């Protein structure tokens, strides 16, 4: 399969300048990068094709050769070719991608990257009742915070940082790799562009110290296990005055001894006396609200039957609505009967009654036996 023209791949004209090439490549690379398109072979091929085209056209020597000879300029057998597949082996793709996006992350004007603090995690257990109503909870966390002694600069009082001698204050160093000049963060100043010669005694030049602090967390009604609450700027302080990270509160709702949560619904299994199930009546049902609710049981109710109590479940997070409470009835057989009670039940049995489940089961059994015979 023949290769596409490199200018067509990047969708630029043959006289496109370096800035136009870079913009076109950046757009294609961000759209088709394999990390953004897992298991998409077509996107991976478009990314490889765009990277190969940009790698050639950004280099004046290679671009001149390509303009004269086309793809043959990079064929091992082609006259005047560069050999080795045009330098696309090894880490070519990774290097050029790293260079492009490191420049992108620094922003216009070559501004140094912000050494922001890491996001942190705190686990919080709450009861089902607290998840129902919401709760305000104070937590104590120990996190790196900005050093007050040096105002987060890392330098001792009155001292000033100096430009890094390795990178000249740019925070970047360039390394030549074949035809390419690859930029990396400076190892001497960790990409900051400046070094501290007189560090703060309190923080040792880092600009932050570990400190315990109390934070108030507002847990909204309707949260469930796995939900998280973000406290912006309450995470780890940034390095030498960098932006702080965020603190994420991960919620875990403790199991309830009686009620079982199913999304926004509440499930309850209630024992019901045999007489109430047979004759019908009302039972008290515990709810997540902390009150008892009355539920009417129809006569002839069988064990395992479920009743729905509308709007008695959990609130739905960030919505003005609630789930239902599902009540499963478990008919309870009486025990420790007196002689009088036993006589009454015998009379009831001899009088004959309708037991739909029993009758249905016996009919099915007799039909199976008749078929086997």
Protein backbone atom coordinates (compact mmCIF):
# COMPACT_ATOMS: atom_id res chain seq x y z
CA UNK A 1 0.00 0.00 0.00
CA UNK A 2 1.50 3.33 -1.08
CA UNK A 3 2.13 6.03 1.49
CA UNK A 4 0.06 9.19 1.52
CA UNK A 5 1.69 12.52 0.78
CA UNK A 6 3.01 14.00 4.03
CA UNK A 7 1.44 17.39 3.32
CA UNK A 8 -1.93 15.70 2.75
CA UNK A 9 -1.54 13.75 5.98
CA UNK A 10 -1.14 16.98 7.97
CA UNK A 11 -3.67 18.79 5.76
CA UNK A 12 -1.30 21.69 5.05
CA UNK A 13 -0.01 23.32 1.89
CA UNK A 14 3.47 22.62 0.45
CA UNK A 15 4.71 26.03 1.62
CA UNK A 16 3.41 25.72 5.21
CA UNK A 17 5.76 27.29 7.77
CA UNK A 18 7.00 25.65 10.97
CA UNK A 19 4.21 27.11 13.12
CA UNK A 20 1.50 25.82 10.77
CA UNK A 21 3.07 22.37 10.72
CA UNK A 22 3.28 22.26 14.50
CA UNK A 23 -0.34 23.34 14.95
CA UNK A 24 -1.60 20.80 12.42
CA UNK A 25 0.40 17.97 13.99
CA UNK A 26 -0.61 18.87 17.54
CA UNK A 27 -4.30 18.77 16.57
CA UNK A 28 -4.00 15.36 14.90
CA UNK A 29 -1.80 13.90 17.64
CA UNK A 30 -4.14 14.92 20.44
CA UNK A 31 -7.16 13.58 18.56
CA UNK A 32 -5.65 10.21 17.61
CA UNK A 33 -3.23 9.44 20.43
CA UNK A 34 -3.52 5.75 21.49
CA UNK A 35 -4.09 6.72 25.14
CA UNK A 36 -7.25 8.53 24.10
CA UNK A 37 -8.35 5.80 21.68
CA UNK A 38 -7.61 2.42 23.28
CA UNK A 39 -8.19 -0.58 21.00
CA UNK A 40 -8.74 1.72 17.98
CA UNK A 41 -6.28 0.52 15.36
CA UNK A 42 -7.39 3.15 12.83
CA UNK A 43 -6.64 5.99 15.26
CA UNK A 44 -3.26 4.44 16.12
CA UNK A 45 -2.39 4.31 12.42
CA UNK A 46 -3.44 7.95 11.91
CA UNK A 47 -1.29 8.94 14.89
CA UNK A 48 1.73 7.05 13.50
CA UNK A 49 1.19 8.52 10.04
CA UNK A 50 0.90 12.10 11.37
CA UNK A 51 3.99 11.69 13.57
CA UNK A 52 6.01 10.36 10.67
CA UNK A 53 4.92 13.22 8.42
CA UNK A 54 5.70 15.89 11.01
CA UNK A 55 9.07 14.33 11.86
CA UNK A 56 10.14 14.77 8.26
CA UNK A 57 8.57 18.14 7.44
CA UNK A 58 9.76 19.91 10.60
CA UNK A 59 13.40 19.20 9.75
CA UNK A 60 14.73 21.48 6.95
CA UNK A 61 17.16 18.86 5.58
CA UNK A 62 14.63 16.06 5.52
CA UNK A 63 11.91 18.31 4.15
CA UNK A 64 14.17 19.43 1.30
CA UNK A 65 14.98 15.81 0.48
CA UNK A 66 11.30 14.88 0.59
CA UNK A 67 10.35 17.79 -1.68
CA UNK A 68 12.94 16.60 -4.25
CA UNK A 69 12.43 12.83 -4.09
CA UNK A 70 9.27 12.14 -2.17
CA UNK A 71 9.13 8.99 -0.04
CA UNK A 72 12.07 7.53 -1.97
CA UNK A 73 14.34 9.91 -0.04
CA UNK A 74 13.89 7.69 3.01
CA UNK A 75 14.06 4.33 1.32
CA UNK A 76 17.22 2.41 2.24
CA UNK A 77 17.73 1.59 -1.42
CA UNK A 78 16.94 5.11 -2.68
CA UNK A 79 19.76 7.32 -3.99
CA UNK A 80 20.63 10.03 -1.53
CA UNK A 81 18.37 8.40 1.09
CA UNK A 82 18.96 8.90 4.78
CA UNK A 83 19.06 5.15 5.51
CA UNK A 84 17.74 3.35 8.53
CA UNK A 85 14.17 4.09 7.51
CA UNK A 86 14.72 7.83 7.72
CA UNK A 87 15.43 7.78 11.45
CA UNK A 88 11.96 6.60 12.45
CA UNK A 89 13.22 3.64 14.51
CA UNK A 90 14.08 3.59 18.20
CA UNK A 91 12.40 6.27 20.26
CA UNK A 92 11.65 8.66 17.40
CA UNK A 93 7.88 8.75 17.88
CA UNK A 94 8.09 9.04 21.67
CA UNK A 95 10.77 11.74 21.53
CA UNK A 96 8.95 13.99 19.11
CA UNK A 97 5.65 13.53 20.93
CA UNK A 98 7.31 14.35 24.28
CA UNK A 99 8.90 17.45 22.78
CA UNK A 100 5.67 18.70 21.26
CA UNK A 101 3.56 18.23 24.36
CA UNK A 102 6.20 19.45 26.80
CA UNK A 103 6.16 22.71 24.84
CA UNK A 104 2.36 22.70 24.90
CA UNK A 105 2.29 22.19 28.71
CA UNK A 106 4.62 25.15 29.29
CA UNK A 107 2.22 27.40 27.42
CA UNK A 108 2.87 30.45 25.33
CA UNK A 109 5.97 32.49 26.05
CA UNK A 110 7.88 29.52 27.52
CA UNK A 111 6.39 29.92 31.03
CA UNK A 112 7.69 27.39 33.52
CA UNK A 113 5.35 24.56 34.53
CA UNK A 114 3.60 25.02 37.84
CA UNK A 115 4.83 22.56 40.46
CA UNK A 116 1.35 21.87 41.75
CA UNK A 117 0.69 19.69 44.77
CA UNK A 118 -0.77 16.19 44.56
CA UNK A 119 -4.43 15.40 45.12
CA UNK A 120 -5.07 13.53 48.36
CA UNK A 121 -7.66 10.99 49.54
CA UNK A 122 -9.53 10.68 52.83
CA UNK A 123 -11.97 7.83 53.56
CA UNK A 124 -15.14 8.61 55.51
CA UNK A 125 -17.65 6.12 56.94
CA UNK A 126 -21.20 7.27 57.58
CA UNK A 127 -24.40 5.54 58.70
CA UNK A 128 -27.38 4.90 56.44
CA UNK A 129 -29.36 7.49 58.42
CA UNK A 130 -26.62 10.08 57.80
CA UNK A 131 -26.63 9.22 54.09
CA UNK A 132 -30.40 9.75 54.14
CA UNK A 133 -30.41 13.16 55.78
CA UNK A 134 -26.91 14.46 54.95
CA UNK A 135 -24.36 15.36 57.60
CA UNK A 136 -21.76 17.99 58.45
CA UNK A 137 -18.60 16.23 59.62
CA UNK A 138 -15.26 17.64 60.83
CA UNK A 139 -12.17 15.66 59.82
CA UNK A 140 -8.52 16.01 60.78
CA UNK A 141 -5.96 15.54 58.02
CA UNK A 142 -2.18 15.89 58.01
CA UNK A 143 -1.03 17.37 54.71
CA UNK A 144 1.87 19.42 53.32
CA UNK A 145 0.92 23.11 53.57
CA UNK A 146 2.70 26.27 52.48
CA UNK A 147 5.58 27.23 54.78
CA UNK A 148 4.72 30.40 56.70
CA UNK A 149 8.37 31.15 57.50
CA UNK A 150 9.29 31.69 53.85
CA UNK A 151 5.80 32.28 52.42
CA UNK A 152 6.23 29.15 50.34
CA UNK A 153 9.29 30.40 48.42
CA UNK A 154 11.75 27.95 49.99
CA UNK A 155 14.37 30.66 50.56
CA UNK A 156 15.52 31.96 53.92
CA UNK A 157 14.33 35.40 54.96
CA UNK A 158 15.98 38.07 52.80
CA UNK A 159 17.53 35.53 50.41
CA UNK A 160 16.64 35.29 46.75
CA UNK A 161 16.87 32.29 44.40
CA UNK A 162 19.34 32.45 41.51
CA UNK A 163 19.05 31.38 37.91
CA UNK A 164 20.13 27.80 37.37
CA UNK A 165 23.62 27.56 35.90
CA UNK A 166 22.78 24.40 33.97
CA UNK A 167 19.77 25.66 32.02
CA UNK A 168 20.34 29.41 32.31
CA UNK A 169 16.99 29.92 34.01
CA UNK A 170 14.84 28.32 31.33
CA UNK A 171 14.13 25.15 33.29
CA UNK A 172 14.78 23.10 30.13
CA UNK A 173 17.83 21.51 28.59
CA UNK A 174 18.19 20.42 24.97
CA UNK A 175 19.78 17.16 23.94
CA UNK A 176 20.66 16.30 20.34
CA UNK A 177 19.45 12.87 19.22
CA UNK A 178 20.42 12.34 15.61
CA UNK A 179 18.42 14.80 13.54
CA UNK A 180 16.32 15.91 16.53
CA UNK A 181 16.88 18.32 19.40
CA UNK A 182 14.80 17.07 22.33
CA UNK A 183 13.95 19.26 25.32
CA UNK A 184 13.79 17.86 28.84
CA UNK A 185 13.23 19.38 32.28
CA UNK A 186 16.52 20.49 33.80
CA UNK A 187 17.79 17.95 36.33
CA UNK A 188 19.67 20.56 38.34
CA UNK A 189 16.70 22.79 39.18
CA UNK A 190 13.91 20.21 38.59
CA UNK A 191 12.52 22.38 35.80
CA UNK A 192 12.06 25.45 38.01
CA UNK A 193 14.73 27.55 36.31
CA UNK A 194 16.06 28.75 39.66
CA UNK A 195 18.06 27.22 42.49
CA UNK A 196 17.98 28.11 46.17
CA UNK A 197 21.41 28.73 47.68
CA UNK A 198 20.14 29.75 51.12
CA UNK A 199 17.17 27.47 51.94
CA UNK A 200 14.58 28.16 54.62
CA UNK A 201 15.44 26.43 57.92
CA UNK A 202 11.80 25.49 58.53
CA UNK A 203 11.00 23.71 55.26
CA UNK A 204 14.52 22.95 53.98
CA UNK A 205 13.92 24.82 50.73
CA UNK A 206 10.78 22.93 49.71
CA UNK A 207 8.38 25.75 50.52
CA UNK A 208 6.00 23.48 52.43
CA UNK A 209 5.72 21.65 55.74
CA UNK A 210 3.43 18.90 57.04
CA UNK A 211 0.66 20.13 59.28
CA UNK A 212 -2.54 18.78 60.83
CA UNK A 213 -5.68 20.77 60.16
CA UNK A 214 -9.40 20.39 60.79
CA UNK A 215 -11.71 20.62 57.79
CA UNK A 216 -15.50 20.73 57.73
CA UNK A 217 -17.06 18.39 55.18
CA UNK A 218 -20.65 18.79 54.05
CA UNK A 219 -22.04 15.41 53.00
CA UNK A 220 -25.20 15.84 50.89
CA UNK A 221 -28.31 13.71 51.35
CA UNK A 222 -28.45 10.69 49.06
CA UNK A 223 -24.75 9.83 48.89
CA UNK A 224 -23.82 6.18 48.46
CA UNK A 225 -20.69 4.10 48.89
CA UNK A 226 -18.14 5.03 46.24
CA UNK A 227 -19.30 8.64 45.92
CA UNK A 228 -16.60 11.22 46.49
CA UNK A 229 -16.61 14.84 47.60
CA UNK A 230 -13.99 17.23 46.25
CA UNK A 231 -12.50 19.91 48.49
CA UNK A 232 -10.75 22.22 46.05
CA UNK A 233 -7.30 23.41 47.09
CA UNK A 234 -7.28 21.36 50.31
CA UNK A 235 -4.79 18.75 49.09
CA UNK A 236 -1.02 18.84 49.09
CA UNK A 237 0.58 22.29 48.84
CA UNK A 238 2.54 22.91 45.64
CA UNK A 239 6.34 22.89 45.49
CA UNK A 240 7.77 26.36 46.23
CA UNK A 241 4.52 28.25 45.96
CA UNK A 242 2.88 26.04 43.34
CA UNK A 243 -0.88 25.54 43.24
CA UNK A 244 -2.24 23.15 45.91
CA UNK A 245 -3.94 19.92 44.93
CA UNK A 246 -7.45 18.87 45.91
CA UNK A 247 -8.66 16.64 48.74
CA UNK A 248 -11.14 13.92 47.79
CA UNK A 249 -13.43 12.48 50.46
CA UNK A 250 -14.44 8.91 49.53
CA UNK A 251 -17.74 7.90 51.13
CA UNK A 252 -18.54 4.46 52.52
CA UNK A 253 -22.04 3.83 53.93
CA UNK A 254 -22.07 1.31 56.79
CA UNK A 255 -24.49 -1.65 56.61
CA UNK A 256 -27.77 -1.21 58.52
CA UNK A 257 -28.99 -4.01 60.85
CA UNK A 258 -32.54 -3.97 59.44
CA UNK A 259 -32.65 -1.98 56.23
CA UNK A 260 -30.87 -2.90 53.00
CA UNK A 261 -30.14 -0.24 50.41
CA UNK A 262 -30.59 -0.94 46.71
CA UNK A 263 -29.66 2.27 44.88
CA UNK A 264 -32.44 4.67 45.92
CA UNK A 265 -34.74 1.92 47.21
CA UNK A 266 -34.79 0.41 50.70
CA UNK A 267 -35.51 -3.30 51.21
CA UNK A 268 -37.01 -4.61 54.45
CA UNK A 269 -38.02 -8.13 55.49
CA UNK A 270 -40.83 -8.07 58.09
CA UNK A 271 -42.15 -11.09 60.05
CA UNK A 272 -45.96 -11.18 60.09
CA UNK A 273 -48.15 -13.35 62.37
CA UNK A 274 -50.00 -16.13 60.58
CA UNK A 275 -53.35 -14.75 61.68
CA UNK A 276 -52.59 -11.27 60.25
CA UNK A 277 -51.46 -12.79 56.96
CA UNK A 278 -54.60 -14.93 56.78
CA UNK A 279 -57.17 -12.37 57.91
CA UNK A 280 -55.47 -9.16 56.79
CA UNK A 281 -54.56 -6.16 58.93
CA UNK A 282 -51.86 -3.56 59.52
CA UNK A 283 -48.22 -3.88 60.55
CA UNK A 284 -45.58 -1.36 61.66
CA UNK A 285 -42.61 -0.95 59.33
CA UNK A 286 -39.34 0.78 60.37
CA UNK A 287 -38.20 3.39 57.84
CA UNK A 288 -34.91 5.13 57.13
CA UNK A 289 -36.47 8.33 58.42
CA UNK A 290 -36.29 6.87 61.94
CA UNK A 291 -40.07 6.50 62.29
CA UNK A 292 -42.50 3.63 61.97
CA UNK A 293 -44.92 3.57 59.05
CA UNK A 294 -48.20 1.64 58.86
CA UNK A 295 -48.61 -0.90 56.08
CA UNK A 296 -51.88 -2.62 55.30
CA UNK A 297 -51.66 -6.37 54.67
CA UNK A 298 -54.34 -7.98 52.54
CA UNK A 299 -56.03 -11.18 53.69
CA UNK A 300 -54.45 -14.31 52.30
CA UNK A 301 -50.99 -12.76 52.02
CA UNK A 302 -48.33 -15.41 51.37
CA UNK A 303 -44.78 -15.51 52.69
CA UNK A 304 -42.37 -13.77 50.32
CA UNK A 305 -44.91 -11.31 48.93
CA UNK A 306 -43.55 -7.79 48.48
CA UNK A 307 -45.31 -4.49 49.11
CA UNK A 308 -44.09 -1.15 47.81
CA UNK A 309 -44.23 1.98 49.98
CA UNK A 310 -43.90 4.88 47.54
CA UNK A 311 -41.46 7.66 48.41
CA UNK A 312 -40.16 5.98 51.57
CA UNK A 313 -36.70 5.19 50.20
CA UNK A 314 -33.48 7.19 49.91
CA UNK A 315 -33.27 10.65 48.38
CA UNK A 316 -31.71 10.74 44.93
CA UNK A 317 -28.48 12.73 44.94
CA UNK A 318 -28.91 16.27 43.59
CA UNK A 319 -32.56 15.60 42.67
CA UNK A 320 -35.77 16.42 44.50
CA UNK A 321 -37.06 12.86 44.50
CA UNK A 322 -36.90 9.71 46.61
CA UNK A 323 -36.89 5.98 46.02
CA UNK A 324 -39.37 3.49 47.47
CA UNK A 325 -39.30 1.08 50.38
CA UNK A 326 -39.91 -2.54 49.44
CA UNK A 327 -41.37 -4.63 52.27
CA UNK A 328 -41.08 -8.42 51.97
CA UNK A 329 -43.48 -10.33 54.19
CA UNK A 330 -42.35 -13.45 56.03
CA UNK A 331 -45.35 -15.29 57.47
CA UNK A 332 -44.48 -16.60 60.94
CA UNK A 333 -45.75 -19.93 62.19
CA UNK A 334 -46.79 -19.73 65.87
CA UNK A 335 -44.90 -21.82 68.45
CA UNK A 336 -45.50 -22.90 72.05
CA UNK A 337 -49.24 -23.34 71.44
CA UNK A 338 -51.58 -24.05 74.31
CA UNK A 339 -53.99 -27.01 74.18
CA UNK A 340 -56.87 -24.66 73.40
CA UNK A 341 -54.95 -23.07 70.52
CA UNK A 342 -54.06 -26.48 69.12
CA UNK A 343 -57.70 -27.57 69.27
CA UNK A 344 -58.75 -24.43 67.42
CA UNK A 345 -56.19 -25.06 64.68
CA UNK A 346 -57.30 -28.69 64.37
CA UNK A 347 -60.88 -27.54 63.93
CA UNK A 348 -59.70 -25.05 61.34
CA UNK A 349 -57.84 -27.74 59.44
CA UNK A 350 -60.77 -30.19 59.58
CA UNK A 351 -63.17 -27.51 58.37
CA UNK A 352 -61.10 -27.26 55.19
CA UNK A 353 -59.69 -24.07 53.77
CA UNK A 354 -58.07 -22.87 50.62
CA UNK A 355 -54.28 -23.15 50.45
CA UNK A 356 -53.48 -22.06 46.88
CA UNK A 357 -49.74 -22.74 46.96
CA UNK A 358 -50.19 -26.21 48.49
CA UNK A 359 -52.99 -27.14 46.10
CA UNK A 360 -51.01 -25.95 43.09
CA UNK A 361 -47.92 -27.90 44.15
CA UNK A 362 -49.89 -31.13 44.68
CA UNK A 363 -51.56 -30.81 41.29
CA UNK A 364 -48.19 -30.40 39.56
CA UNK A 365 -46.76 -33.38 41.48
CA UNK A 366 -49.68 -35.65 40.58
CA UNK A 367 -49.38 -34.61 36.92
CA UNK A 368 -45.66 -35.54 36.89
CA UNK A 369 -46.33 -38.92 38.45
CA UNK A 370 -49.17 -39.59 36.03
CA UNK A 371 -46.91 -38.81 33.04
CA UNK A 372 -44.17 -41.11 34.41
CA UNK A 373 -46.63 -43.94 34.75
